[in-house]
Amino acid sequence: NTLLAFLLLVGLAPAVSAQSGTESY
């Protein structure tokens, strides 16, 4: 979760958090 938050903050992972229901893509 910490790594994901960092990637989203710097704009390197725009699609990692795409979600549908409880799934992440």
mmCIF file of all heavy atoms, coordinates in Angstrom:
data_MODEL
# 
_entry.id   MODEL 
# 
loop_
_atom_site.group_PDB 
_atom_site.id 
_atom_site.type_symbol 
_atom_site.label_atom_id 
_atom_site.label_alt_id 
_atom_site.label_comp_id 
_atom_site.label_asym_id 
_atom_site.label_entity_id 
_atom_site.label_seq_id 
_atom_site.pdbx_PDB_ins_code 
_atom_site.Cartn_x 
_atom_site.Cartn_y 
_atom_site.Cartn_z 
_atom_site.occupancy 
_atom_site.B_iso_or_equiv 
_atom_site.pdbx_formal_charge 
_atom_site.auth_seq_id 
_atom_site.auth_comp_id 
_atom_site.auth_asym_id 
_atom_site.auth_atom_id 
_atom_site.pdbx_PDB_model_num 
ATOM 1   N N   . ASN A 1 1  ? 0.822   -1.210 0.000   1.00 0.00 ? 1  ASN A N   1 
ATOM 2   C CA  . ASN A 1 1  ? 0.000   0.000  0.000   1.00 0.00 ? 1  ASN A CA  1 
ATOM 3   C C   . ASN A 1 1  ? 0.856   1.260  0.000   1.00 0.00 ? 1  ASN A C   1 
ATOM 4   O O   . ASN A 1 1  ? 0.537   2.251  -0.646  1.00 0.00 ? 1  ASN A O   1 
ATOM 5   C CB  . ASN A 1 1  ? -0.929  0.003  1.216   1.00 0.00 ? 1  ASN A CB  1 
ATOM 6   C CG  . ASN A 1 1  ? -2.013  -1.047 1.106   1.00 0.00 ? 1  ASN A CG  1 
ATOM 7   O OD1 . ASN A 1 1  ? -2.320  -1.493 0.001   1.00 0.00 ? 1  ASN A OD1 1 
ATOM 8   N ND2 . ASN A 1 1  ? -2.578  -1.453 2.228   1.00 0.00 ? 1  ASN A ND2 1 
ATOM 9   N N   . THR A 1 2  ? 1.968   1.214  0.743   1.00 0.00 ? 2  THR A N   1 
ATOM 10  C CA  . THR A 1 2  ? 2.870   2.363  0.779   1.00 0.00 ? 2  THR A CA  1 
ATOM 11  C C   . THR A 1 2  ? 3.493   2.605  -0.585  1.00 0.00 ? 2  THR A C   1 
ATOM 12  O O   . THR A 1 2  ? 3.584   3.748  -1.060  1.00 0.00 ? 2  THR A O   1 
ATOM 13  C CB  . THR A 1 2  ? 3.975   2.124  1.820   1.00 0.00 ? 2  THR A CB  1 
ATOM 14  O OG1 . THR A 1 2  ? 3.380   1.900  3.096   1.00 0.00 ? 2  THR A OG1 1 
ATOM 15  C CG2 . THR A 1 2  ? 4.911   3.331  1.896   1.00 0.00 ? 2  THR A CG2 1 
ATOM 16  N N   . LEU A 1 3  ? 3.931   1.511  -1.241  1.00 0.00 ? 3  LEU A N   1 
ATOM 17  C CA  . LEU A 1 3  ? 4.523   1.634  -2.574  1.00 0.00 ? 3  LEU A CA  1 
ATOM 18  C C   . LEU A 1 3  ? 3.502   2.156  -3.570  1.00 0.00 ? 3  LEU A C   1 
ATOM 19  O O   . LEU A 1 3  ? 3.815   3.026  -4.399  1.00 0.00 ? 3  LEU A O   1 
ATOM 20  C CB  . LEU A 1 3  ? 5.053   0.267  -3.028  1.00 0.00 ? 3  LEU A CB  1 
ATOM 21  C CG  . LEU A 1 3  ? 5.642   0.213  -4.448  1.00 0.00 ? 3  LEU A CG  1 
ATOM 22  C CD1 . LEU A 1 3  ? 6.832   1.175  -4.562  1.00 0.00 ? 3  LEU A CD1 1 
ATOM 23  C CD2 . LEU A 1 3  ? 6.067   -1.208 -4.780  1.00 0.00 ? 3  LEU A CD2 1 
ATOM 24  N N   . LEU A 1 4  ? 2.273   1.657  -3.521  1.00 0.00 ? 4  LEU A N   1 
ATOM 25  C CA  . LEU A 1 4  ? 1.231   2.104  -4.433  1.00 0.00 ? 4  LEU A CA  1 
ATOM 26  C C   . LEU A 1 4  ? 0.954   3.591  -4.251  1.00 0.00 ? 4  LEU A C   1 
ATOM 27  O O   . LEU A 1 4  ? 0.827   4.338  -5.230  1.00 0.00 ? 4  LEU A O   1 
ATOM 28  C CB  . LEU A 1 4  ? -0.053  1.303  -4.189  1.00 0.00 ? 4  LEU A CB  1 
ATOM 29  C CG  . LEU A 1 4  ? -1.266  1.700  -5.030  1.00 0.00 ? 4  LEU A CG  1 
ATOM 30  C CD1 . LEU A 1 4  ? -0.959  1.560  -6.509  1.00 0.00 ? 4  LEU A CD1 1 
ATOM 31  C CD2 . LEU A 1 4  ? -2.468  0.855  -4.649  1.00 0.00 ? 4  LEU A CD2 1 
ATOM 32  N N   . ALA A 1 5  ? 0.879   4.033  -3.004  1.00 0.00 ? 5  ALA A N   1 
ATOM 33  C CA  . ALA A 1 5  ? 0.627   5.451  -2.745  1.00 0.00 ? 5  ALA A CA  1 
ATOM 34  C C   . ALA A 1 5  ? 1.746   6.313  -3.307  1.00 0.00 ? 5  ALA A C   1 
ATOM 35  O O   . ALA A 1 5  ? 1.502   7.385  -3.877  1.00 0.00 ? 5  ALA A O   1 
ATOM 36  C CB  . ALA A 1 5  ? 0.481   5.684  -1.237  1.00 0.00 ? 5  ALA A CB  1 
ATOM 37  N N   . PHE A 1 6  ? 2.979   5.836  -3.177  1.00 0.00 ? 6  PHE A N   1 
ATOM 38  C CA  . PHE A 1 6  ? 4.109   6.601  -3.722  1.00 0.00 ? 6  PHE A CA  1 
ATOM 39  C C   . PHE A 1 6  ? 4.045   6.689  -5.230  1.00 0.00 ? 6  PHE A C   1 
ATOM 40  O O   . PHE A 1 6  ? 4.242   7.753  -5.824  1.00 0.00 ? 6  PHE A O   1 
ATOM 41  C CB  . PHE A 1 6  ? 5.425   5.945  -3.288  1.00 0.00 ? 6  PHE A CB  1 
ATOM 42  C CG  . PHE A 1 6  ? 6.642   6.532  -3.953  1.00 0.00 ? 6  PHE A CG  1 
ATOM 43  C CD1 . PHE A 1 6  ? 7.133   7.780  -3.568  1.00 0.00 ? 6  PHE A CD1 1 
ATOM 44  C CD2 . PHE A 1 6  ? 7.285   5.857  -4.983  1.00 0.00 ? 6  PHE A CD2 1 
ATOM 45  C CE1 . PHE A 1 6  ? 8.242   8.329  -4.194  1.00 0.00 ? 6  PHE A CE1 1 
ATOM 46  C CE2 . PHE A 1 6  ? 8.385   6.393  -5.602  1.00 0.00 ? 6  PHE A CE2 1 
ATOM 47  C CZ  . PHE A 1 6  ? 8.874   7.632  -5.217  1.00 0.00 ? 6  PHE A CZ  1 
ATOM 48  N N   . LEU A 1 7  ? 3.756   5.563  -5.897  1.00 0.00 ? 7  LEU A N   1 
ATOM 49  C CA  . LEU A 1 7  ? 3.696   5.548  -7.360  1.00 0.00 ? 7  LEU A CA  1 
ATOM 50  C C   . LEU A 1 7  ? 2.597   6.459  -7.869  1.00 0.00 ? 7  LEU A C   1 
ATOM 51  O O   . LEU A 1 7  ? 2.769   7.184  -8.859  1.00 0.00 ? 7  LEU A O   1 
ATOM 52  C CB  . LEU A 1 7  ? 3.475   4.121  -7.871  1.00 0.00 ? 7  LEU A CB  1 
ATOM 53  C CG  . LEU A 1 7  ? 4.653   3.169  -7.678  1.00 0.00 ? 7  LEU A CG  1 
ATOM 54  C CD1 . LEU A 1 7  ? 4.252   1.756  -8.096  1.00 0.00 ? 7  LEU A CD1 1 
ATOM 55  C CD2 . LEU A 1 7  ? 5.866   3.630  -8.476  1.00 0.00 ? 7  LEU A CD2 1 
ATOM 56  N N   . LEU A 1 8  ? 1.446   6.440  -7.215  1.00 0.00 ? 8  LEU A N   1 
ATOM 57  C CA  . LEU A 1 8  ? 0.360   7.314  -7.623  1.00 0.00 ? 8  LEU A CA  1 
ATOM 58  C C   . LEU A 1 8  ? 0.722   8.784  -7.415  1.00 0.00 ? 8  LEU A C   1 
ATOM 59  O O   . LEU A 1 8  ? 0.376   9.644  -8.222  1.00 0.00 ? 8  LEU A O   1 
ATOM 60  C CB  . LEU A 1 8  ? -0.909  6.974  -6.835  1.00 0.00 ? 8  LEU A CB  1 
ATOM 61  C CG  . LEU A 1 8  ? -1.568  5.635  -7.181  1.00 0.00 ? 8  LEU A CG  1 
ATOM 62  C CD1 . LEU A 1 8  ? -2.707  5.345  -6.208  1.00 0.00 ? 8  LEU A CD1 1 
ATOM 63  C CD2 . LEU A 1 8  ? -2.084  5.646  -8.606  1.00 0.00 ? 8  LEU A CD2 1 
ATOM 64  N N   . LEU A 1 9  ? 1.446   9.041  -6.342  1.00 0.00 ? 9  LEU A N   1 
ATOM 65  C CA  . LEU A 1 9  ? 1.828   10.417 -6.051  1.00 0.00 ? 9  LEU A CA  1 
ATOM 66  C C   . LEU A 1 9  ? 2.734   10.980 -7.127  1.00 0.00 ? 9  LEU A C   1 
ATOM 67  O O   . LEU A 1 9  ? 2.583   12.121 -7.568  1.00 0.00 ? 9  LEU A O   1 
ATOM 68  C CB  . LEU A 1 9  ? 2.520   10.478 -4.682  1.00 0.00 ? 9  LEU A CB  1 
ATOM 69  C CG  . LEU A 1 9  ? 3.027   11.864 -4.238  1.00 0.00 ? 9  LEU A CG  1 
ATOM 70  C CD1 . LEU A 1 9  ? 1.828   12.802 -4.052  1.00 0.00 ? 9  LEU A CD1 1 
ATOM 71  C CD2 . LEU A 1 9  ? 3.817   11.757 -2.937  1.00 0.00 ? 9  LEU A CD2 1 
ATOM 72  N N   . VAL A 1 10 ? 3.686   10.194 -7.585  1.00 0.00 ? 10 VAL A N   1 
ATOM 73  C CA  . VAL A 1 10 ? 4.638   10.700 -8.588  1.00 0.00 ? 10 VAL A CA  1 
ATOM 74  C C   . VAL A 1 10 ? 4.113   10.527 -10.004 1.00 0.00 ? 10 VAL A C   1 
ATOM 75  O O   . VAL A 1 10 ? 4.777   10.916 -10.957 1.00 0.00 ? 10 VAL A O   1 
ATOM 76  C CB  . VAL A 1 10 ? 6.011   10.015 -8.429  1.00 0.00 ? 10 VAL A CB  1 
ATOM 77  C CG1 . VAL A 1 10 ? 6.604   10.305 -7.064  1.00 0.00 ? 10 VAL A CG1 1 
ATOM 78  C CG2 . VAL A 1 10 ? 5.902   8.513  -8.665  1.00 0.00 ? 10 VAL A CG2 1 
ATOM 79  N N   . GLY A 1 11 ? 2.938   9.904  -10.143 1.00 0.00 ? 11 GLY A N   1 
ATOM 80  C CA  . GLY A 1 11 ? 2.317   9.812  -11.462 1.00 0.00 ? 11 GLY A CA  1 
ATOM 81  C C   . GLY A 1 11 ? 2.885   8.739  -12.349 1.00 0.00 ? 11 GLY A C   1 
ATOM 82  O O   . GLY A 1 11 ? 2.779   8.790  -13.564 1.00 0.00 ? 11 GLY A O   1 
ATOM 83  N N   . LEU A 1 12 ? 3.509   7.708  -11.765 1.00 0.00 ? 12 LEU A N   1 
ATOM 84  C CA  . LEU A 1 12 ? 4.124   6.661  -12.573 1.00 0.00 ? 12 LEU A CA  1 
ATOM 85  C C   . LEU A 1 12 ? 3.215   5.468  -12.783 1.00 0.00 ? 12 LEU A C   1 
ATOM 86  O O   . LEU A 1 12 ? 3.516   4.605  -13.590 1.00 0.00 ? 12 LEU A O   1 
ATOM 87  C CB  . LEU A 1 12 ? 5.424   6.175  -11.901 1.00 0.00 ? 12 LEU A CB  1 
ATOM 88  C CG  . LEU A 1 12 ? 6.542   7.206  -11.806 1.00 0.00 ? 12 LEU A CG  1 
ATOM 89  C CD1 . LEU A 1 12 ? 7.739   6.604  -11.080 1.00 0.00 ? 12 LEU A CD1 1 
ATOM 90  C CD2 . LEU A 1 12 ? 6.940   7.679  -13.197 1.00 0.00 ? 12 LEU A CD2 1 
ATOM 91  N N   . ALA A 1 13 ? 2.126   5.392  -12.055 1.00 0.00 ? 13 ALA A N   1 
ATOM 92  C CA  . ALA A 1 13 ? 1.266   4.202  -12.149 1.00 0.00 ? 13 ALA A CA  1 
ATOM 93  C C   . ALA A 1 13 ? -0.185  4.598  -12.244 1.00 0.00 ? 13 ALA A C   1 
ATOM 94  O O   . ALA A 1 13 ? -0.989  4.295  -11.381 1.00 0.00 ? 13 ALA A O   1 
ATOM 95  C CB  . ALA A 1 13 ? 1.497   3.297  -10.943 1.00 0.00 ? 13 ALA A CB  1 
ATOM 96  N N   . PRO A 1 14 ? -0.603  5.249  -13.332 1.00 0.00 ? 14 PRO A N   1 
ATOM 97  C CA  . PRO A 1 14 ? -1.959  5.772  -13.416 1.00 0.00 ? 14 PRO A CA  1 
ATOM 98  C C   . PRO A 1 14 ? -3.046  4.726  -13.436 1.00 0.00 ? 14 PRO A C   1 
ATOM 99  O O   . PRO A 1 14 ? -4.178  5.030  -13.104 1.00 0.00 ? 14 PRO A O   1 
ATOM 100 C CB  . PRO A 1 14 ? -1.944  6.561  -14.728 1.00 0.00 ? 14 PRO A CB  1 
ATOM 101 C CG  . PRO A 1 14 ? -0.825  5.986  -15.516 1.00 0.00 ? 14 PRO A CG  1 
ATOM 102 C CD  . PRO A 1 14 ? 0.199   5.579  -14.504 1.00 0.00 ? 14 PRO A CD  1 
ATOM 103 N N   . ALA A 1 15 ? -2.750  3.472  -13.803 1.00 0.00 ? 15 ALA A N   1 
ATOM 104 C CA  . ALA A 1 15 ? -3.828  2.491  -13.936 1.00 0.00 ? 15 ALA A CA  1 
ATOM 105 C C   . ALA A 1 15 ? -3.781  1.408  -12.874 1.00 0.00 ? 15 ALA A C   1 
ATOM 106 O O   . ALA A 1 15 ? -4.640  0.554  -12.843 1.00 0.00 ? 15 ALA A O   1 
ATOM 107 C CB  . ALA A 1 15 ? -3.790  1.849  -15.316 1.00 0.00 ? 15 ALA A CB  1 
ATOM 108 N N   . VAL A 1 16 ? -2.775  1.410  -12.022 1.00 0.00 ? 16 VAL A N   1 
ATOM 109 C CA  . VAL A 1 16 ? -2.650  0.338  -11.054 1.00 0.00 ? 16 VAL A CA  1 
ATOM 110 C C   . VAL A 1 16 ? -3.860  0.265  -10.133 1.00 0.00 ? 16 VAL A C   1 
ATOM 111 O O   . VAL A 1 16 ? -4.260  -0.800 -9.707  1.00 0.00 ? 16 VAL A O   1 
ATOM 112 C CB  . VAL A 1 16 ? -1.350  0.516  -10.230 1.00 0.00 ? 16 VAL A CB  1 
ATOM 113 C CG1 . VAL A 1 16 ? -1.262  -0.525 -9.139  1.00 0.00 ? 16 VAL A CG1 1 
ATOM 114 C CG2 . VAL A 1 16 ? -0.147  0.423  -11.153 1.00 0.00 ? 16 VAL A CG2 1 
ATOM 115 N N   . SER A 1 17 ? -4.473  1.407  -9.840  1.00 0.00 ? 17 SER A N   1 
ATOM 116 C CA  . SER A 1 17 ? -5.559  1.427  -8.876  1.00 0.00 ? 17 SER A CA  1 
ATOM 117 C C   . SER A 1 17 ? -6.938  1.298  -9.513  1.00 0.00 ? 17 SER A C   1 
ATOM 118 O O   . SER A 1 17 ? -7.934  1.447  -8.837  1.00 0.00 ? 17 SER A O   1 
ATOM 119 C CB  . SER A 1 17 ? -5.513  2.730  -8.067  1.00 0.00 ? 17 SER A CB  1 
ATOM 120 O OG  . SER A 1 17 ? -5.687  3.841  -8.920  1.00 0.00 ? 17 SER A OG  1 
ATOM 121 N N   . ALA A 1 18 ? -6.997  1.037  -10.842 1.00 0.00 ? 18 ALA A N   1 
ATOM 122 C CA  . ALA A 1 18 ? -8.299  0.866  -11.474 1.00 0.00 ? 18 ALA A CA  1 
ATOM 123 C C   . ALA A 1 18 ? -9.038  -0.275 -10.811 1.00 0.00 ? 18 ALA A C   1 
ATOM 124 O O   . ALA A 1 18 ? -8.501  -1.366 -10.679 1.00 0.00 ? 18 ALA A O   1 
ATOM 125 C CB  . ALA A 1 18 ? -8.114  0.579  -12.966 1.00 0.00 ? 18 ALA A CB  1 
ATOM 126 N N   . GLN A 1 19 ? -10.276 -0.047 -10.389 1.00 0.00 ? 19 GLN A N   1 
ATOM 127 C CA  . GLN A 1 19 ? -10.992 -1.054 -9.640  1.00 0.00 ? 19 GLN A CA  1 
ATOM 128 C C   . GLN A 1 19 ? -12.390 -1.280 -10.187 1.00 0.00 ? 19 GLN A C   1 
ATOM 129 O O   . GLN A 1 19 ? -12.985 -0.413 -10.794 1.00 0.00 ? 19 GLN A O   1 
ATOM 130 C CB  . GLN A 1 19 ? -11.106 -0.653 -8.165  1.00 0.00 ? 19 GLN A CB  1 
ATOM 131 C CG  . GLN A 1 19 ? -9.762  -0.636 -7.445  1.00 0.00 ? 19 GLN A CG  1 
ATOM 132 C CD  . GLN A 1 19 ? -9.931  -0.437 -5.960  1.00 0.00 ? 19 GLN A CD  1 
ATOM 133 O OE1 . GLN A 1 19 ? -11.023 -0.170 -5.470  1.00 0.00 ? 19 GLN A OE1 1 
ATOM 134 N NE2 . GLN A 1 19 ? -8.846  -0.584 -5.231  1.00 0.00 ? 19 GLN A NE2 1 
ATOM 135 N N   . SER A 1 20 ? -12.878 -2.489 -10.003 1.00 0.00 ? 20 SER A N   1 
ATOM 136 C CA  . SER A 1 20 ? -14.254 -2.836 -10.306 1.00 0.00 ? 20 SER A CA  1 
ATOM 137 C C   . SER A 1 20 ? -14.717 -3.770 -9.204  1.00 0.00 ? 20 SER A C   1 
ATOM 138 O O   . SER A 1 20 ? -14.222 -4.879 -9.086  1.00 0.00 ? 20 SER A O   1 
ATOM 139 C CB  . SER A 1 20 ? -14.361 -3.522 -11.668 1.00 0.00 ? 20 SER A CB  1 
ATOM 140 O OG  . SER A 1 20 ? -15.669 -3.953 -11.917 1.00 0.00 ? 20 SER A OG  1 
ATOM 141 N N   . GLY A 1 21 ? -15.625 -3.305 -8.346  1.00 0.00 ? 21 GLY A N   1 
ATOM 142 C CA  . GLY A 1 21 ? -15.997 -4.090 -7.191  1.00 0.00 ? 21 GLY A CA  1 
ATOM 143 C C   . GLY A 1 21 ? -14.822 -4.150 -6.230  1.00 0.00 ? 21 GLY A C   1 
ATOM 144 O O   . GLY A 1 21 ? -14.261 -3.140 -5.848  1.00 0.00 ? 21 GLY A O   1 
ATOM 145 N N   . THR A 1 22 ? -14.432 -5.376 -5.861  1.00 0.00 ? 22 THR A N   1 
ATOM 146 C CA  . THR A 1 22 ? -13.313 -5.551 -4.938  1.00 0.00 ? 22 THR A CA  1 
ATOM 147 C C   . THR A 1 22 ? -12.026 -5.898 -5.669  1.00 0.00 ? 22 THR A C   1 
ATOM 148 O O   . THR A 1 22 ? -11.005 -6.099 -5.035  1.00 0.00 ? 22 THR A O   1 
ATOM 149 C CB  . THR A 1 22 ? -13.643 -6.670 -3.933  1.00 0.00 ? 22 THR A CB  1 
ATOM 150 O OG1 . THR A 1 22 ? -13.887 -7.893 -4.658  1.00 0.00 ? 22 THR A OG1 1 
ATOM 151 C CG2 . THR A 1 22 ? -14.865 -6.314 -3.111  1.00 0.00 ? 22 THR A CG2 1 
ATOM 152 N N   . GLU A 1 23 ? -12.061 -5.995 -6.993  1.00 0.00 ? 23 GLU A N   1 
ATOM 153 C CA  . GLU A 1 23 ? -10.880 -6.369 -7.760  1.00 0.00 ? 23 GLU A CA  1 
ATOM 154 C C   . GLU A 1 23 ? -10.057 -5.138 -8.111  1.00 0.00 ? 23 GLU A C   1 
ATOM 155 O O   . GLU A 1 23 ? -10.583 -4.050 -8.298  1.00 0.00 ? 23 GLU A O   1 
ATOM 156 C CB  . GLU A 1 23 ? -11.280 -7.089 -9.043  1.00 0.00 ? 23 GLU A CB  1 
ATOM 157 C CG  . GLU A 1 23 ? -12.023 -8.386 -8.829  1.00 0.00 ? 23 GLU A CG  1 
ATOM 158 C CD  . GLU A 1 23 ? -12.393 -9.038 -10.143 1.00 0.00 ? 23 GLU A CD  1 
ATOM 159 O OE1 . GLU A 1 23 ? -11.555 -9.759 -10.695 1.00 0.00 ? 23 GLU A OE1 1 
ATOM 160 O OE2 . GLU A 1 23 ? -13.517 -8.798 -10.608 1.00 0.00 ? 23 GLU A OE2 1 
ATOM 161 N N   . SER A 1 24 ? -8.752  -5.329 -8.217  1.00 0.00 ? 24 SER A N   1 
ATOM 162 C CA  . SER A 1 24 ? -7.875  -4.274 -8.690  1.00 0.00 ? 24 SER A CA  1 
ATOM 163 C C   . SER A 1 24 ? -7.198  -4.760 -9.966  1.00 0.00 ? 24 SER A C   1 
ATOM 164 O O   . SER A 1 24 ? -6.963  -5.957 -10.150 1.00 0.00 ? 24 SER A O   1 
ATOM 165 C CB  . SER A 1 24 ? -6.837  -3.910 -7.629  1.00 0.00 ? 24 SER A CB  1 
ATOM 166 O OG  . SER A 1 24 ? -6.013  -5.008 -7.338  1.00 0.00 ? 24 SER A OG  1 
ATOM 167 N N   . TYR A 1 25 ? -6.890  -3.819 -10.854 1.00 0.00 ? 25 TYR A N   1 
ATOM 168 C CA  . TYR A 1 25 ? -6.353  -4.142 -12.161 1.00 0.00 ? 25 TYR A CA  1 
ATOM 169 C C   . TYR A 1 25 ? -5.092  -3.332 -12.419 1.00 0.00 ? 25 TYR A C   1 
ATOM 170 O O   . TYR A 1 25 ? -4.945  -2.207 -11.939 1.00 0.00 ? 25 TYR A O   1 
ATOM 171 C CB  . TYR A 1 25 ? -7.380  -3.836 -13.253 1.00 0.00 ? 25 TYR A CB  1 
ATOM 172 C CG  . TYR A 1 25 ? -8.642  -4.651 -13.145 1.00 0.00 ? 25 TYR A CG  1 
ATOM 173 C CD1 . TYR A 1 25 ? -9.726  -4.189 -12.402 1.00 0.00 ? 25 TYR A CD1 1 
ATOM 174 C CD2 . TYR A 1 25 ? -8.747  -5.876 -13.787 1.00 0.00 ? 25 TYR A CD2 1 
ATOM 175 C CE1 . TYR A 1 25 ? -10.885 -4.942 -12.297 1.00 0.00 ? 25 TYR A CE1 1 
ATOM 176 C CE2 . TYR A 1 25 ? -9.902  -6.633 -13.685 1.00 0.00 ? 25 TYR A CE2 1 
ATOM 177 C CZ  . TYR A 1 25 ? -10.969 -6.167 -12.944 1.00 0.00 ? 25 TYR A CZ  1 
ATOM 178 O OH  . TYR A 1 25 ? -12.103 -6.906 -12.837 1.00 0.00 ? 25 TYR A OH  1 
# 
